[in-house]
Amino acid sequence: MKAIFVTGGKQYYVSEGDTIYVEKLDAEVGATISFDEVLCVGDKTGTPYVKGAKVECTVEKQGKAKKIVVFKYRPKKKYRNTKGHRQPYTKLVVKKIVG
């Protein structure tokens, strides 16, 4: 079964057994998380969400993505600015889709 759910302001299209990376969630590794904001389950769609539908996931890992470098400069003005950023993420494994 496949489903579309919302977390972190983004929509994810998943099926059972998939591994996904989402915006950081406050959960311990090994915990089970249930998402209630399900937009579509199989061929059922909701307005805006499907009633009684859930996507249950297990937290596999908390981590940070690879560093990106942000470099700004202004030509002929001797202005240079370098910054780095690592986005935190949560790795989830989809266990069950209820709908």
N, C-alpha and C. Protein backbone atom coordinates (compact mmCIF):
# COMPACT_ATOMS: atom_id res chain seq x y z
N MET A 1 0.84 -1.18 0.00
CA MET A 1 0.00 0.00 0.00
C MET A 1 0.89 1.24 0.00
N LYS A 2 0.46 2.27 -0.67
CA LYS A 2 1.20 3.52 -0.76
C LYS A 2 0.40 4.64 -0.11
N ALA A 3 1.13 5.67 0.34
CA ALA A 3 0.47 6.80 0.99
C ALA A 3 1.28 8.07 0.77
N ILE A 4 0.60 9.20 0.89
CA ILE A 4 1.24 10.52 0.87
C ILE A 4 0.91 11.18 2.20
N PHE A 5 1.96 11.59 2.94
CA PHE A 5 1.73 12.26 4.21
C PHE A 5 2.59 13.52 4.30
N VAL A 6 2.26 14.36 5.30
CA VAL A 6 2.91 15.66 5.46
C VAL A 6 3.68 15.69 6.77
N THR A 7 4.94 16.14 6.72
CA THR A 7 5.71 16.44 7.92
C THR A 7 6.79 17.44 7.56
N GLY A 8 7.05 18.38 8.45
CA GLY A 8 8.08 19.38 8.21
C GLY A 8 7.78 20.29 7.04
N GLY A 9 6.50 20.47 6.70
CA GLY A 9 6.14 21.34 5.60
C GLY A 9 6.34 20.71 4.23
N LYS A 10 6.65 19.42 4.18
CA LYS A 10 6.87 18.72 2.92
C LYS A 10 5.97 17.50 2.84
N GLN A 11 5.71 17.04 1.61
CA GLN A 11 4.90 15.85 1.39
C GLN A 11 5.81 14.70 0.96
N TYR A 12 5.54 13.52 1.49
CA TYR A 12 6.34 12.34 1.19
C TYR A 12 5.45 11.22 0.66
N TYR A 13 5.85 10.61 -0.45
CA TYR A 13 5.14 9.50 -1.08
C TYR A 13 5.87 8.23 -0.70
N VAL A 14 5.25 7.39 0.11
CA VAL A 14 5.94 6.22 0.67
C VAL A 14 5.10 4.96 0.52
N SER A 15 5.78 3.84 0.66
CA SER A 15 5.12 2.55 0.78
C SER A 15 5.77 1.83 1.95
N GLU A 16 5.20 0.73 2.38
CA GLU A 16 5.71 0.02 3.54
C GLU A 16 7.12 -0.51 3.26
N GLY A 17 8.02 -0.30 4.23
CA GLY A 17 9.40 -0.74 4.09
C GLY A 17 10.35 0.31 3.53
N ASP A 18 9.84 1.48 3.11
CA ASP A 18 10.69 2.53 2.57
C ASP A 18 11.50 3.20 3.68
N THR A 19 12.67 3.73 3.29
CA THR A 19 13.51 4.54 4.18
C THR A 19 13.50 5.95 3.65
N ILE A 20 13.18 6.92 4.52
CA ILE A 20 13.12 8.32 4.09
C ILE A 20 13.88 9.20 5.07
N TYR A 21 14.33 10.35 4.58
CA TYR A 21 14.98 11.35 5.40
C TYR A 21 14.06 12.56 5.49
N VAL A 22 13.70 12.97 6.72
CA VAL A 22 12.78 14.09 6.93
C VAL A 22 13.47 15.15 7.79
N GLU A 23 12.83 16.30 7.89
CA GLU A 23 13.34 17.34 8.78
C GLU A 23 13.42 16.78 10.20
N LYS A 24 14.35 17.29 10.99
CA LYS A 24 14.61 16.76 12.33
C LYS A 24 13.35 16.73 13.18
N LEU A 25 13.10 15.56 13.80
CA LEU A 25 11.98 15.36 14.71
C LEU A 25 12.54 15.07 16.10
N ASP A 26 11.83 15.51 17.14
CA ASP A 26 12.25 15.25 18.51
C ASP A 26 11.80 13.85 18.91
N ALA A 27 12.65 12.87 18.65
CA ALA A 27 12.34 11.48 18.99
C ALA A 27 13.64 10.72 19.18
N GLU A 28 13.61 9.75 20.06
CA GLU A 28 14.78 8.92 20.32
C GLU A 28 14.92 7.87 19.22
N VAL A 29 16.15 7.39 19.03
CA VAL A 29 16.40 6.32 18.07
C VAL A 29 15.69 5.06 18.55
N GLY A 30 14.95 4.42 17.68
CA GLY A 30 14.19 3.23 18.02
C GLY A 30 12.74 3.50 18.37
N ALA A 31 12.37 4.78 18.54
CA ALA A 31 10.99 5.14 18.88
C ALA A 31 10.09 4.99 17.66
N THR A 32 8.80 4.82 17.91
CA THR A 32 7.81 4.73 16.85
C THR A 32 7.04 6.04 16.77
N ILE A 33 6.92 6.57 15.56
CA ILE A 33 6.22 7.84 15.34
C ILE A 33 5.03 7.56 14.42
N SER A 34 3.90 8.19 14.70
CA SER A 34 2.71 8.03 13.88
C SER A 34 2.35 9.39 13.28
N PHE A 35 2.14 9.42 11.98
CA PHE A 35 1.76 10.65 11.27
C PHE A 35 0.28 10.55 10.91
N ASP A 36 -0.51 11.54 11.36
CA ASP A 36 -1.95 11.56 11.13
C ASP A 36 -2.35 12.39 9.92
N GLU A 37 -1.47 13.27 9.46
CA GLU A 37 -1.79 14.14 8.33
C GLU A 37 -1.52 13.40 7.02
N VAL A 38 -2.43 12.50 6.67
CA VAL A 38 -2.29 11.68 5.47
C VAL A 38 -3.20 12.24 4.38
N LEU A 39 -2.61 12.55 3.22
CA LEU A 39 -3.38 13.14 2.13
C LEU A 39 -4.01 12.08 1.24
N CYS A 40 -3.35 10.92 1.10
CA CYS A 40 -3.84 9.90 0.18
C CYS A 40 -3.35 8.54 0.66
N VAL A 41 -4.26 7.55 0.66
CA VAL A 41 -3.90 6.16 0.97
C VAL A 41 -4.44 5.29 -0.14
N GLY A 42 -3.54 4.63 -0.87
CA GLY A 42 -3.99 3.82 -2.02
C GLY A 42 -4.72 4.69 -3.02
N ASP A 43 -6.02 4.45 -3.21
CA ASP A 43 -6.81 5.28 -4.11
C ASP A 43 -7.77 6.20 -3.36
N LYS A 44 -7.72 6.20 -2.01
CA LYS A 44 -8.58 7.08 -1.21
C LYS A 44 -7.90 8.42 -1.00
N THR A 45 -8.62 9.50 -1.28
CA THR A 45 -8.11 10.84 -1.03
C THR A 45 -9.04 11.54 -0.06
N GLY A 46 -8.48 12.52 0.67
CA GLY A 46 -9.27 13.22 1.67
C GLY A 46 -9.34 14.70 1.39
N THR A 47 -10.16 15.40 2.16
CA THR A 47 -10.30 16.84 2.02
C THR A 47 -10.13 17.49 3.37
N PRO A 48 -9.00 17.99 3.81
CA PRO A 48 -7.69 17.84 3.19
C PRO A 48 -6.99 16.55 3.56
N TYR A 49 -7.42 15.89 4.67
CA TYR A 49 -6.75 14.66 5.11
C TYR A 49 -7.73 13.49 5.11
N VAL A 50 -7.19 12.28 5.00
CA VAL A 50 -8.00 11.06 5.06
C VAL A 50 -8.29 10.77 6.53
N LYS A 51 -9.56 10.62 6.87
CA LYS A 51 -9.94 10.37 8.27
C LYS A 51 -9.54 8.95 8.67
N GLY A 52 -8.92 8.83 9.85
CA GLY A 52 -8.56 7.53 10.39
C GLY A 52 -7.31 6.91 9.78
N ALA A 53 -6.66 7.60 8.87
CA ALA A 53 -5.47 7.04 8.23
C ALA A 53 -4.22 7.47 9.01
N LYS A 54 -3.25 6.56 9.09
CA LYS A 54 -1.99 6.84 9.78
C LYS A 54 -0.85 6.18 9.03
N VAL A 55 0.33 6.80 9.15
CA VAL A 55 1.57 6.20 8.67
C VAL A 55 2.46 6.04 9.89
N GLU A 56 2.83 4.79 10.20
CA GLU A 56 3.65 4.52 11.38
C GLU A 56 5.07 4.24 10.94
N CYS A 57 6.03 4.96 11.56
CA CYS A 57 7.44 4.86 11.21
C CYS A 57 8.28 4.62 12.45
N THR A 58 9.47 4.06 12.26
CA THR A 58 10.43 3.87 13.33
C THR A 58 11.64 4.74 13.05
N VAL A 59 12.13 5.44 14.09
CA VAL A 59 13.30 6.30 13.94
C VAL A 59 14.54 5.41 13.91
N GLU A 60 15.30 5.49 12.82
CA GLU A 60 16.50 4.68 12.68
C GLU A 60 17.75 5.46 13.05
N LYS A 61 17.76 6.78 12.78
CA LYS A 61 18.97 7.56 13.00
C LYS A 61 18.64 9.04 13.07
N GLN A 62 19.39 9.77 13.89
CA GLN A 62 19.38 11.23 13.91
C GLN A 62 20.75 11.67 13.41
N GLY A 63 20.81 12.64 12.53
CA GLY A 63 22.11 13.03 12.00
C GLY A 63 22.09 14.39 11.34
N LYS A 64 23.22 14.71 10.70
CA LYS A 64 23.35 15.95 9.95
C LYS A 64 23.81 15.63 8.54
N ALA A 65 23.31 16.40 7.58
CA ALA A 65 23.68 16.21 6.18
C ALA A 65 25.10 16.73 5.95
N LYS A 66 25.60 16.51 4.74
CA LYS A 66 26.92 17.01 4.41
C LYS A 66 26.93 18.53 4.43
N LYS A 67 28.10 19.08 4.72
CA LYS A 67 28.24 20.53 4.82
C LYS A 67 28.15 21.17 3.44
N ILE A 68 27.40 22.26 3.38
CA ILE A 68 27.39 23.09 2.18
C ILE A 68 28.10 24.39 2.52
N VAL A 69 28.78 24.96 1.56
CA VAL A 69 29.52 26.20 1.77
C VAL A 69 28.78 27.33 1.06
N VAL A 70 28.51 28.40 1.80
CA VAL A 70 27.86 29.58 1.24
C VAL A 70 28.92 30.66 1.15
N PHE A 71 29.21 31.13 -0.06
CA PHE A 71 30.25 32.14 -0.27
C PHE A 71 29.64 33.35 -0.95
N LYS A 72 29.78 34.49 -0.30
CA LYS A 72 29.27 35.74 -0.86
C LYS A 72 30.44 36.68 -1.12
N TYR A 73 30.35 37.44 -2.18
CA TYR A 73 31.36 38.46 -2.39
C TYR A 73 30.80 39.57 -3.26
N ARG A 74 31.40 40.73 -3.12
CA ARG A 74 31.03 41.88 -3.95
C ARG A 74 32.26 42.25 -4.78
N PRO A 75 32.12 42.25 -6.07
CA PRO A 75 33.30 42.57 -6.88
C PRO A 75 33.78 44.01 -6.66
N LYS A 76 35.09 44.17 -6.60
CA LYS A 76 35.78 45.47 -6.47
C LYS A 76 35.56 46.16 -5.14
N LYS A 77 34.99 45.47 -4.13
CA LYS A 77 34.70 46.10 -2.83
C LYS A 77 35.45 45.43 -1.67
N LYS A 78 36.27 44.42 -1.93
CA LYS A 78 37.01 43.68 -0.90
C LYS A 78 36.08 43.09 0.16
N TYR A 79 34.92 42.61 -0.29
CA TYR A 79 33.97 41.96 0.62
C TYR A 79 33.91 40.50 0.28
N ARG A 80 34.25 39.65 1.24
CA ARG A 80 34.14 38.21 1.08
C ARG A 80 33.59 37.62 2.38
N ASN A 81 32.63 36.71 2.26
CA ASN A 81 32.01 36.11 3.43
C ASN A 81 31.78 34.62 3.15
N THR A 82 32.31 33.77 4.00
CA THR A 82 32.16 32.32 3.84
C THR A 82 31.46 31.76 5.07
N LYS A 83 30.43 30.98 4.83
CA LYS A 83 29.69 30.32 5.90
C LYS A 83 29.46 28.87 5.51
N GLY A 84 29.32 28.01 6.52
CA GLY A 84 28.99 26.62 6.28
C GLY A 84 27.69 26.28 6.98
N HIS A 85 27.00 25.25 6.49
CA HIS A 85 25.73 24.85 7.09
C HIS A 85 25.56 23.35 6.95
N ARG A 86 25.11 22.68 8.03
CA ARG A 86 24.77 21.25 8.00
C ARG A 86 23.34 21.11 8.50
N GLN A 87 22.46 20.64 7.62
CA GLN A 87 21.04 20.52 7.95
C GLN A 87 20.80 19.26 8.76
N PRO A 88 20.17 19.36 9.95
CA PRO A 88 19.85 18.14 10.71
C PRO A 88 18.68 17.39 10.08
N TYR A 89 18.71 16.06 10.20
CA TYR A 89 17.66 15.22 9.63
C TYR A 89 17.34 14.06 10.55
N THR A 90 16.23 13.40 10.28
CA THR A 90 15.84 12.16 10.95
C THR A 90 15.60 11.11 9.88
N LYS A 91 16.22 9.96 10.05
CA LYS A 91 16.04 8.85 9.11
C LYS A 91 14.94 7.95 9.63
N LEU A 92 13.89 7.74 8.83
CA LEU A 92 12.73 6.95 9.24
C LEU A 92 12.58 5.72 8.33
N VAL A 93 12.06 4.65 8.93
CA VAL A 93 11.68 3.46 8.17
C VAL A 93 10.18 3.29 8.33
N VAL A 94 9.45 3.24 7.21
CA VAL A 94 7.99 3.10 7.25
C VAL A 94 7.65 1.65 7.59
N LYS A 95 6.94 1.44 8.70
CA LYS A 95 6.58 0.10 9.15
C LYS A 95 5.19 -0.32 8.69
N LYS A 96 4.22 0.60 8.85
CA LYS A 96 2.84 0.22 8.56
C LYS A 96 2.05 1.43 8.07
N ILE A 97 1.16 1.19 7.11
CA ILE A 97 0.24 2.22 6.64
C ILE A 97 -1.16 1.74 6.96
N VAL A 98 -1.87 2.53 7.79
CA VAL A 98 -3.22 2.19 8.21
C VAL A 98 -4.18 3.11 7.48
N GLY A 99 -5.16 2.57 6.84
CA GLY A 99 -6.08 3.44 6.14
C GLY A 99 -7.23 2.68 5.69
